[in-house]
N, C-alpha and C. Protein backbone atom coordinates (compact mmCIF):
# COMPACT_ATOMS: atom_id res chain seq x y z
N MET A 1 78.34 83.45 76.05
CA MET A 1 78.01 83.36 77.46
C MET A 1 79.24 83.67 78.29
N SER A 2 79.02 84.30 79.38
CA SER A 2 80.15 84.61 80.24
C SER A 2 80.27 83.53 81.30
N GLY A 3 81.46 82.99 81.41
CA GLY A 3 81.71 81.95 82.39
C GLY A 3 82.51 82.50 83.55
N GLU A 4 82.49 81.77 84.65
CA GLU A 4 83.25 82.19 85.80
C GLU A 4 84.67 81.64 85.68
N THR A 5 85.62 82.49 86.01
CA THR A 5 87.01 82.07 86.01
C THR A 5 87.61 82.37 87.37
N LYS A 6 88.49 81.54 87.80
CA LYS A 6 89.15 81.74 89.08
C LYS A 6 90.09 82.93 88.98
N ARG A 7 90.01 83.81 89.95
CA ARG A 7 90.86 84.99 89.99
C ARG A 7 92.28 84.56 90.27
N SER A 8 93.22 85.16 89.58
CA SER A 8 94.61 84.76 89.73
C SER A 8 95.18 85.26 91.05
N GLY A 9 96.19 84.54 91.53
CA GLY A 9 96.85 84.95 92.76
C GLY A 9 97.56 86.27 92.61
N SER A 10 98.08 86.54 91.42
CA SER A 10 98.78 87.81 91.22
C SER A 10 97.81 88.98 91.27
N GLU A 11 96.56 88.77 90.85
CA GLU A 11 95.56 89.83 90.96
C GLU A 11 95.26 90.13 92.42
N ALA A 12 95.11 89.10 93.24
CA ALA A 12 94.84 89.29 94.66
C ALA A 12 96.01 89.99 95.35
N VAL A 13 97.23 89.58 95.01
CA VAL A 13 98.41 90.22 95.60
C VAL A 13 98.53 91.67 95.14
N GLY A 14 98.19 91.92 93.88
CA GLY A 14 98.22 93.29 93.37
C GLY A 14 97.26 94.20 94.11
N TRP A 15 96.03 93.72 94.34
CA TRP A 15 95.07 94.54 95.09
C TRP A 15 95.49 94.68 96.55
N ALA A 16 96.10 93.65 97.11
CA ALA A 16 96.59 93.76 98.49
C ALA A 16 97.72 94.79 98.58
N ALA A 17 98.61 94.79 97.60
CA ALA A 17 99.69 95.78 97.58
C ALA A 17 99.12 97.18 97.43
N PHE A 18 98.12 97.34 96.55
CA PHE A 18 97.49 98.64 96.39
C PHE A 18 96.84 99.08 97.70
N ALA A 19 96.15 98.17 98.37
CA ALA A 19 95.52 98.49 99.66
C ALA A 19 96.58 98.89 100.69
N GLY A 20 97.70 98.17 100.72
CA GLY A 20 98.77 98.52 101.65
C GLY A 20 99.31 99.91 101.41
N VAL A 21 99.45 100.29 100.14
CA VAL A 21 99.92 101.64 99.80
C VAL A 21 98.89 102.68 100.24
N VAL A 22 97.61 102.40 100.02
CA VAL A 22 96.57 103.35 100.43
C VAL A 22 96.55 103.51 101.94
N PHE A 23 96.66 102.41 102.68
CA PHE A 23 96.68 102.49 104.14
C PHE A 23 97.91 103.24 104.64
N ALA A 24 99.07 102.97 104.06
CA ALA A 24 100.29 103.67 104.46
C ALA A 24 100.21 105.16 104.10
N ALA A 25 99.64 105.48 102.95
CA ALA A 25 99.51 106.88 102.55
C ALA A 25 98.56 107.63 103.48
N SER A 26 97.48 106.98 103.87
CA SER A 26 96.56 107.65 104.80
C SER A 26 97.22 107.86 106.16
N ALA A 27 98.04 106.91 106.59
CA ALA A 27 98.78 107.09 107.84
C ALA A 27 99.80 108.21 107.71
N ALA A 28 100.44 108.29 106.55
CA ALA A 28 101.45 109.34 106.33
C ALA A 28 100.83 110.72 106.35
N VAL A 29 99.62 110.84 105.85
CA VAL A 29 98.99 112.16 105.74
C VAL A 29 98.28 112.56 107.02
N PHE A 30 97.60 111.61 107.69
CA PHE A 30 96.74 111.98 108.79
C PHE A 30 97.23 111.59 110.18
N VAL A 31 98.04 110.56 110.31
CA VAL A 31 98.42 110.07 111.63
C VAL A 31 99.85 110.45 112.00
N VAL A 32 100.78 110.14 111.14
CA VAL A 32 102.20 110.33 111.46
C VAL A 32 102.56 111.79 111.76
N PRO A 33 102.01 112.77 111.06
CA PRO A 33 102.39 114.16 111.39
C PRO A 33 102.07 114.58 112.82
N TRP A 34 101.14 113.90 113.47
CA TRP A 34 100.81 114.26 114.84
C TRP A 34 101.92 113.92 115.82
N PHE A 35 102.59 112.82 115.60
CA PHE A 35 103.54 112.38 116.63
C PHE A 35 104.83 111.80 116.11
N GLY A 36 104.97 111.62 114.82
CA GLY A 36 106.08 110.81 114.39
C GLY A 36 107.17 111.47 113.59
N TRP A 37 106.89 112.58 112.91
CA TRP A 37 107.95 113.16 112.08
C TRP A 37 109.08 113.66 112.96
N PRO A 38 110.31 113.52 112.53
CA PRO A 38 111.45 113.92 113.36
C PRO A 38 111.39 115.38 113.80
N SER A 39 110.92 116.27 112.98
CA SER A 39 110.89 117.68 113.35
C SER A 39 109.90 117.94 114.47
N VAL A 40 108.85 117.11 114.59
CA VAL A 40 107.85 117.30 115.63
C VAL A 40 108.27 116.59 116.91
N SER A 41 108.74 115.37 116.78
CA SER A 41 109.02 114.56 117.96
C SER A 41 110.42 114.75 118.51
N GLY A 42 111.31 115.34 117.73
CA GLY A 42 112.68 115.51 118.19
C GLY A 42 113.49 114.24 118.07
N GLY A 43 112.89 113.16 117.61
CA GLY A 43 113.59 111.89 117.45
C GLY A 43 114.14 111.74 116.05
N ASP A 44 114.52 110.51 115.75
CA ASP A 44 115.10 110.25 114.43
C ASP A 44 114.06 109.79 113.42
N GLY A 45 112.81 109.69 113.81
CA GLY A 45 111.76 109.30 112.88
C GLY A 45 111.53 107.82 112.77
N SER A 46 112.14 107.02 113.65
CA SER A 46 111.96 105.57 113.54
C SER A 46 110.52 105.16 113.83
N LEU A 47 109.85 105.87 114.74
CA LEU A 47 108.45 105.53 115.01
C LEU A 47 107.57 105.91 113.83
N ALA A 48 107.90 106.99 113.15
CA ALA A 48 107.13 107.36 111.94
C ALA A 48 107.29 106.31 110.87
N LEU A 49 108.51 105.88 110.63
CA LEU A 49 108.76 104.85 109.62
C LEU A 49 108.09 103.54 110.03
N ALA A 50 108.17 103.20 111.30
CA ALA A 50 107.53 101.98 111.79
C ALA A 50 106.01 102.05 111.61
N SER A 51 105.43 103.22 111.83
CA SER A 51 103.99 103.38 111.66
C SER A 51 103.58 103.20 110.20
N LEU A 52 104.37 103.77 109.30
CA LEU A 52 104.07 103.63 107.87
C LEU A 52 104.22 102.18 107.42
N LEU A 53 105.30 101.54 107.84
CA LEU A 53 105.49 100.13 107.48
C LEU A 53 104.39 99.25 108.07
N ALA A 54 104.01 99.52 109.31
CA ALA A 54 102.96 98.73 109.95
C ALA A 54 101.64 98.90 109.22
N ALA A 55 101.29 100.14 108.86
CA ALA A 55 100.03 100.37 108.14
C ALA A 55 100.05 99.66 106.80
N GLY A 56 101.17 99.70 106.11
CA GLY A 56 101.26 99.04 104.80
C GLY A 56 101.22 97.53 104.90
N ILE A 57 102.00 96.97 105.80
CA ILE A 57 102.08 95.51 105.94
C ILE A 57 100.77 94.94 106.47
N VAL A 58 100.27 95.52 107.55
CA VAL A 58 99.03 95.03 108.14
C VAL A 58 97.85 95.29 107.20
N GLY A 59 97.88 96.42 106.49
CA GLY A 59 96.81 96.72 105.55
C GLY A 59 96.75 95.71 104.42
N ALA A 60 97.90 95.37 103.86
CA ALA A 60 97.92 94.38 102.78
C ALA A 60 97.48 93.01 103.29
N ALA A 61 97.97 92.62 104.45
CA ALA A 61 97.58 91.32 105.00
C ALA A 61 96.09 91.30 105.36
N SER A 62 95.58 92.39 105.91
CA SER A 62 94.15 92.45 106.23
C SER A 62 93.30 92.39 104.98
N TRP A 63 93.75 93.08 103.93
CA TRP A 63 92.99 93.05 102.68
C TRP A 63 92.93 91.62 102.14
N LEU A 64 94.07 90.92 102.14
CA LEU A 64 94.08 89.54 101.66
C LEU A 64 93.17 88.65 102.50
N GLY A 65 93.22 88.83 103.81
CA GLY A 65 92.43 87.99 104.70
C GLY A 65 90.94 88.26 104.61
N VAL A 66 90.57 89.52 104.59
CA VAL A 66 89.16 89.88 104.58
C VAL A 66 88.54 89.67 103.20
N GLU A 67 89.31 89.94 102.16
CA GLU A 67 88.79 89.80 100.81
C GLU A 67 88.31 88.39 100.53
N ARG A 68 88.97 87.44 101.11
CA ARG A 68 88.60 86.05 100.90
C ARG A 68 87.19 85.75 101.42
N TYR A 69 86.78 86.46 102.48
CA TYR A 69 85.48 86.21 103.09
C TYR A 69 84.46 87.32 102.84
N ALA A 70 84.78 88.26 101.96
CA ALA A 70 83.89 89.40 101.73
C ALA A 70 82.67 89.02 100.90
N GLY A 71 82.65 87.89 100.28
CA GLY A 71 81.49 87.44 99.53
C GLY A 71 81.18 88.30 98.33
N GLY A 72 82.20 88.76 97.63
CA GLY A 72 81.98 89.57 96.44
C GLY A 72 81.62 91.01 96.72
N ARG A 73 81.86 91.48 97.93
CA ARG A 73 81.57 92.87 98.30
C ARG A 73 82.86 93.57 98.69
N PRO A 74 83.63 94.03 97.71
CA PRO A 74 84.93 94.62 98.04
C PRO A 74 84.86 95.92 98.83
N ILE A 75 83.75 96.65 98.74
CA ILE A 75 83.66 97.90 99.50
C ILE A 75 83.48 97.60 100.98
N LEU A 76 82.56 96.70 101.30
CA LEU A 76 82.35 96.30 102.69
C LEU A 76 83.58 95.58 103.24
N GLY A 77 84.16 94.71 102.42
CA GLY A 77 85.38 94.02 102.83
C GLY A 77 86.53 94.98 103.04
N GLY A 78 86.62 96.01 102.21
CA GLY A 78 87.66 97.02 102.38
C GLY A 78 87.51 97.77 103.69
N ALA A 79 86.27 98.10 104.05
CA ALA A 79 86.04 98.78 105.32
C ALA A 79 86.44 97.89 106.50
N ALA A 80 86.11 96.60 106.40
CA ALA A 80 86.49 95.67 107.47
C ALA A 80 88.01 95.53 107.56
N ALA A 81 88.67 95.46 106.40
CA ALA A 81 90.14 95.40 106.41
C ALA A 81 90.73 96.66 106.99
N GLY A 82 90.10 97.80 106.73
CA GLY A 82 90.58 99.06 107.28
C GLY A 82 90.44 99.13 108.79
N VAL A 83 89.34 98.63 109.32
CA VAL A 83 89.16 98.60 110.77
C VAL A 83 90.22 97.69 111.40
N LEU A 84 90.42 96.51 110.81
CA LEU A 84 91.47 95.62 111.31
C LEU A 84 92.84 96.29 111.26
N THR A 85 93.12 96.99 110.17
CA THR A 85 94.40 97.68 110.04
C THR A 85 94.55 98.76 111.10
N GLY A 86 93.48 99.52 111.34
CA GLY A 86 93.53 100.58 112.34
C GLY A 86 93.80 100.07 113.74
N VAL A 87 93.40 98.84 114.02
CA VAL A 87 93.63 98.24 115.34
C VAL A 87 94.96 97.49 115.40
N LEU A 88 95.22 96.65 114.39
CA LEU A 88 96.38 95.75 114.45
C LEU A 88 97.70 96.41 114.07
N ALA A 89 97.67 97.58 113.46
CA ALA A 89 98.93 98.24 113.11
C ALA A 89 99.65 98.78 114.34
N HIS A 90 98.94 99.02 115.42
CA HIS A 90 99.58 99.56 116.63
C HIS A 90 100.64 98.61 117.20
N PRO A 91 100.33 97.34 117.47
CA PRO A 91 101.39 96.48 118.01
C PRO A 91 102.53 96.25 117.02
N VAL A 92 102.22 96.19 115.73
CA VAL A 92 103.28 96.00 114.74
C VAL A 92 104.20 97.21 114.72
N ALA A 93 103.63 98.40 114.80
CA ALA A 93 104.46 99.62 114.81
C ALA A 93 105.34 99.67 116.06
N TRP A 94 104.78 99.32 117.20
CA TRP A 94 105.59 99.35 118.43
C TRP A 94 106.62 98.23 118.46
N PHE A 95 106.39 97.16 117.73
CA PHE A 95 107.41 96.12 117.61
C PHE A 95 108.53 96.56 116.67
N LEU A 96 108.15 97.19 115.54
CA LEU A 96 109.15 97.61 114.55
C LEU A 96 109.93 98.85 114.98
N GLY A 97 109.33 99.72 115.76
CA GLY A 97 109.97 100.98 116.16
C GLY A 97 111.34 100.79 116.78
N PRO A 98 111.48 99.98 117.84
CA PRO A 98 112.80 99.78 118.43
C PRO A 98 113.79 99.08 117.50
N ILE A 99 113.29 98.24 116.61
CA ILE A 99 114.18 97.56 115.67
C ILE A 99 114.76 98.56 114.69
N LEU A 100 113.94 99.51 114.24
CA LEU A 100 114.40 100.52 113.29
C LEU A 100 115.27 101.58 113.95
N ASP A 101 115.11 101.79 115.25
CA ASP A 101 115.92 102.76 115.98
C ASP A 101 117.20 102.06 116.41
N LEU A 102 118.27 102.35 115.71
CA LEU A 102 119.53 101.63 115.94
C LEU A 102 120.20 101.96 117.26
N GLU A 103 119.76 103.03 117.93
CA GLU A 103 120.38 103.42 119.19
C GLU A 103 119.79 102.68 120.38
N VAL A 104 118.64 102.06 120.21
CA VAL A 104 117.95 101.39 121.30
C VAL A 104 118.08 99.89 121.12
N GLN A 105 118.30 99.19 122.20
CA GLN A 105 118.33 97.73 122.14
C GLN A 105 116.90 97.21 122.03
N ALA A 106 116.62 96.46 120.99
CA ALA A 106 115.25 96.01 120.72
C ALA A 106 114.77 94.98 121.73
N GLY A 107 115.66 94.23 122.35
CA GLY A 107 115.25 93.16 123.26
C GLY A 107 114.45 93.65 124.44
N GLY A 108 114.86 94.74 125.07
CA GLY A 108 114.14 95.25 126.22
C GLY A 108 112.82 95.88 125.87
N SER A 109 112.69 96.35 124.67
CA SER A 109 111.47 97.04 124.27
C SER A 109 110.36 96.09 123.84
N VAL A 110 110.69 94.86 123.51
CA VAL A 110 109.68 93.91 123.07
C VAL A 110 108.70 93.64 124.21
N PHE A 111 109.18 93.64 125.43
CA PHE A 111 108.32 93.43 126.59
C PHE A 111 107.27 94.54 126.71
N LEU A 112 107.62 95.75 126.31
CA LEU A 112 106.70 96.89 126.42
C LEU A 112 105.72 97.00 125.26
N THR A 113 105.89 96.21 124.22
CA THR A 113 105.05 96.30 123.03
C THR A 113 103.56 96.19 123.35
N PRO A 114 103.11 95.21 124.13
CA PRO A 114 101.66 95.14 124.41
C PRO A 114 101.14 96.36 125.16
N PHE A 115 101.91 96.86 126.11
CA PHE A 115 101.46 98.01 126.89
C PHE A 115 101.41 99.28 126.03
N MET A 116 102.45 99.48 125.23
CA MET A 116 102.48 100.66 124.37
C MET A 116 101.42 100.56 123.27
N SER A 117 101.13 99.34 122.84
CA SER A 117 100.09 99.16 121.82
C SER A 117 98.73 99.57 122.35
N VAL A 118 98.42 99.13 123.56
CA VAL A 118 97.14 99.51 124.17
C VAL A 118 97.09 101.02 124.40
N TYR A 119 98.20 101.58 124.88
CA TYR A 119 98.27 103.03 125.11
C TYR A 119 98.05 103.80 123.80
N SER A 120 98.73 103.41 122.74
CA SER A 120 98.58 104.14 121.48
C SER A 120 97.21 103.90 120.86
N LEU A 121 96.64 102.71 121.05
CA LEU A 121 95.30 102.46 120.54
C LEU A 121 94.28 103.35 121.25
N LEU A 122 94.45 103.54 122.55
CA LEU A 122 93.55 104.43 123.28
C LEU A 122 93.79 105.89 122.92
N PHE A 123 95.04 106.26 122.69
CA PHE A 123 95.40 107.65 122.43
C PHE A 123 95.12 108.05 120.98
N VAL A 124 95.41 107.19 120.02
CA VAL A 124 95.30 107.52 118.60
C VAL A 124 94.29 106.62 117.88
N GLY A 125 93.80 105.60 118.53
CA GLY A 125 92.89 104.66 117.89
C GLY A 125 91.60 105.30 117.42
N TRP A 126 91.15 106.34 118.11
CA TRP A 126 89.94 107.04 117.67
C TRP A 126 90.13 107.63 116.29
N LEU A 127 91.38 107.83 115.87
CA LEU A 127 91.67 108.34 114.54
C LEU A 127 92.03 107.21 113.57
N THR A 128 92.82 106.24 114.03
CA THR A 128 93.30 105.21 113.11
C THR A 128 92.21 104.24 112.66
N VAL A 129 91.28 103.92 113.53
CA VAL A 129 90.24 102.95 113.16
C VAL A 129 89.28 103.54 112.11
N PRO A 130 88.70 104.74 112.33
CA PRO A 130 87.84 105.28 111.27
C PRO A 130 88.62 105.64 110.00
N LEU A 131 89.86 106.10 110.17
CA LEU A 131 90.68 106.41 109.00
C LEU A 131 90.97 105.15 108.19
N GLY A 132 91.25 104.06 108.87
CA GLY A 132 91.45 102.79 108.18
C GLY A 132 90.20 102.35 107.45
N ALA A 133 89.04 102.53 108.09
CA ALA A 133 87.78 102.15 107.44
C ALA A 133 87.56 102.98 106.17
N VAL A 134 87.85 104.27 106.23
CA VAL A 134 87.68 105.13 105.05
C VAL A 134 88.67 104.74 103.96
N ALA A 135 89.92 104.47 104.34
CA ALA A 135 90.91 104.05 103.34
C ALA A 135 90.52 102.72 102.70
N GLY A 136 89.97 101.81 103.50
CA GLY A 136 89.49 100.55 102.94
C GLY A 136 88.29 100.74 102.02
N LEU A 137 87.40 101.65 102.39
CA LEU A 137 86.27 101.96 101.51
C LEU A 137 86.75 102.53 100.18
N VAL A 138 87.72 103.43 100.24
CA VAL A 138 88.26 104.02 99.02
C VAL A 138 88.89 102.93 98.14
N THR A 139 89.65 102.05 98.76
CA THR A 139 90.26 100.96 98.01
C THR A 139 89.20 100.07 97.37
N GLY A 140 88.14 99.76 98.12
CA GLY A 140 87.06 98.95 97.58
C GLY A 140 86.34 99.64 96.44
N VAL A 141 86.12 100.94 96.56
CA VAL A 141 85.46 101.69 95.48
C VAL A 141 86.33 101.70 94.23
N VAL A 142 87.64 101.89 94.41
CA VAL A 142 88.55 101.86 93.26
C VAL A 142 88.52 100.49 92.61
N ARG A 143 88.49 99.46 93.41
CA ARG A 143 88.46 98.10 92.86
C ARG A 143 87.18 97.87 92.05
N VAL A 144 86.04 98.29 92.58
CA VAL A 144 84.78 98.14 91.86
C VAL A 144 84.81 98.95 90.56
N ALA A 145 85.35 100.16 90.62
CA ALA A 145 85.43 100.98 89.41
C ALA A 145 86.30 100.33 88.34
N VAL A 146 87.42 99.78 88.76
CA VAL A 146 88.30 99.09 87.80
C VAL A 146 87.61 97.86 87.24
N GLN A 147 86.91 97.13 88.07
CA GLN A 147 86.20 95.95 87.59
C GLN A 147 85.10 96.31 86.60
N ARG A 148 84.41 97.39 86.86
CA ARG A 148 83.37 97.82 85.91
C ARG A 148 83.99 98.31 84.61
N TRP A 149 85.11 98.99 84.70
CA TRP A 149 85.78 99.50 83.51
C TRP A 149 86.30 98.36 82.64
N THR A 150 86.80 97.31 83.29
CA THR A 150 87.32 96.17 82.53
C THR A 150 86.23 95.16 82.19
N GLY A 151 85.04 95.33 82.71
CA GLY A 151 83.95 94.41 82.41
C GLY A 151 83.94 93.16 83.25
N ARG A 152 84.66 93.16 84.36
CA ARG A 152 84.69 92.00 85.25
C ARG A 152 84.06 92.39 86.57
N ARG A 153 83.45 91.43 87.22
CA ARG A 153 82.90 91.71 88.54
C ARG A 153 83.09 90.48 89.42
N VAL A 154 83.23 90.74 90.71
CA VAL A 154 83.37 89.65 91.67
C VAL A 154 82.00 89.07 91.93
N VAL A 155 81.84 87.76 91.77
CA VAL A 155 80.55 87.12 92.00
C VAL A 155 80.52 86.36 93.32
N ASP A 156 81.64 85.96 93.82
CA ASP A 156 81.76 85.43 95.17
C ASP A 156 83.22 85.51 95.56
N SER A 157 83.55 85.01 96.74
CA SER A 157 84.92 85.17 97.22
C SER A 157 85.87 84.36 96.36
N GLY A 158 86.65 85.06 95.56
CA GLY A 158 87.68 84.41 94.77
C GLY A 158 87.32 84.18 93.34
N ASN A 159 86.09 84.37 92.91
CA ASN A 159 85.72 84.15 91.52
C ASN A 159 85.30 85.46 90.88
N VAL A 160 85.57 85.60 89.61
CA VAL A 160 85.12 86.77 88.86
C VAL A 160 84.30 86.30 87.68
N GLU A 161 83.44 87.16 87.22
CA GLU A 161 82.65 86.86 86.05
C GLU A 161 83.11 87.82 84.96
N ASP A 162 83.48 87.27 83.82
CA ASP A 162 83.92 88.10 82.71
C ASP A 162 82.72 88.69 82.01
N GLY A 163 82.82 89.98 81.72
CA GLY A 163 81.73 90.66 81.04
C GLY A 163 81.97 90.72 79.53
N PRO A 164 81.14 91.48 78.83
CA PRO A 164 81.25 91.52 77.37
C PRO A 164 82.51 92.23 76.87
N ASN A 165 83.15 93.06 77.71
CA ASN A 165 84.34 93.79 77.27
C ASN A 165 85.63 92.99 77.46
N THR A 166 85.53 91.81 78.07
CA THR A 166 86.71 91.01 78.37
C THR A 166 86.91 89.98 77.27
N PRO A 167 88.13 89.86 76.74
CA PRO A 167 88.39 88.86 75.68
C PRO A 167 88.30 87.44 76.21
């Protein structure tokens, strides 16, 4: 008989790290080339790096947060985490940008973070929110495929059921 076992914390962190990499990679391919690479913007690339870090950090945190309440549906939960990442990465990127740019004093720019976040969400959010949802869907599909391959499946938030292929 297959019994339910509690999913380990390292497994959850591993999937969150994978999700963060997927979100950062999607930002690197589809978002950052529009405005952030040094050759395009004429800057030093601190906003590009901040955008990638924000997508990765917020993506991993969103995956951890949403996965807990996804009810055993990693694909739907991944899409929700992607939408959250597409929205919440903007203020994080605008907060990290001045810190990474060593020529600018970060203290004066923190005041502008909410305004620039709203501006960038309106300007680029039409791309980041659906792109985040797609990246989250891809992450959820990969997770389901790995679970089927290993014979484990999520039965509710935080529990897995071992299948016949699992020792």
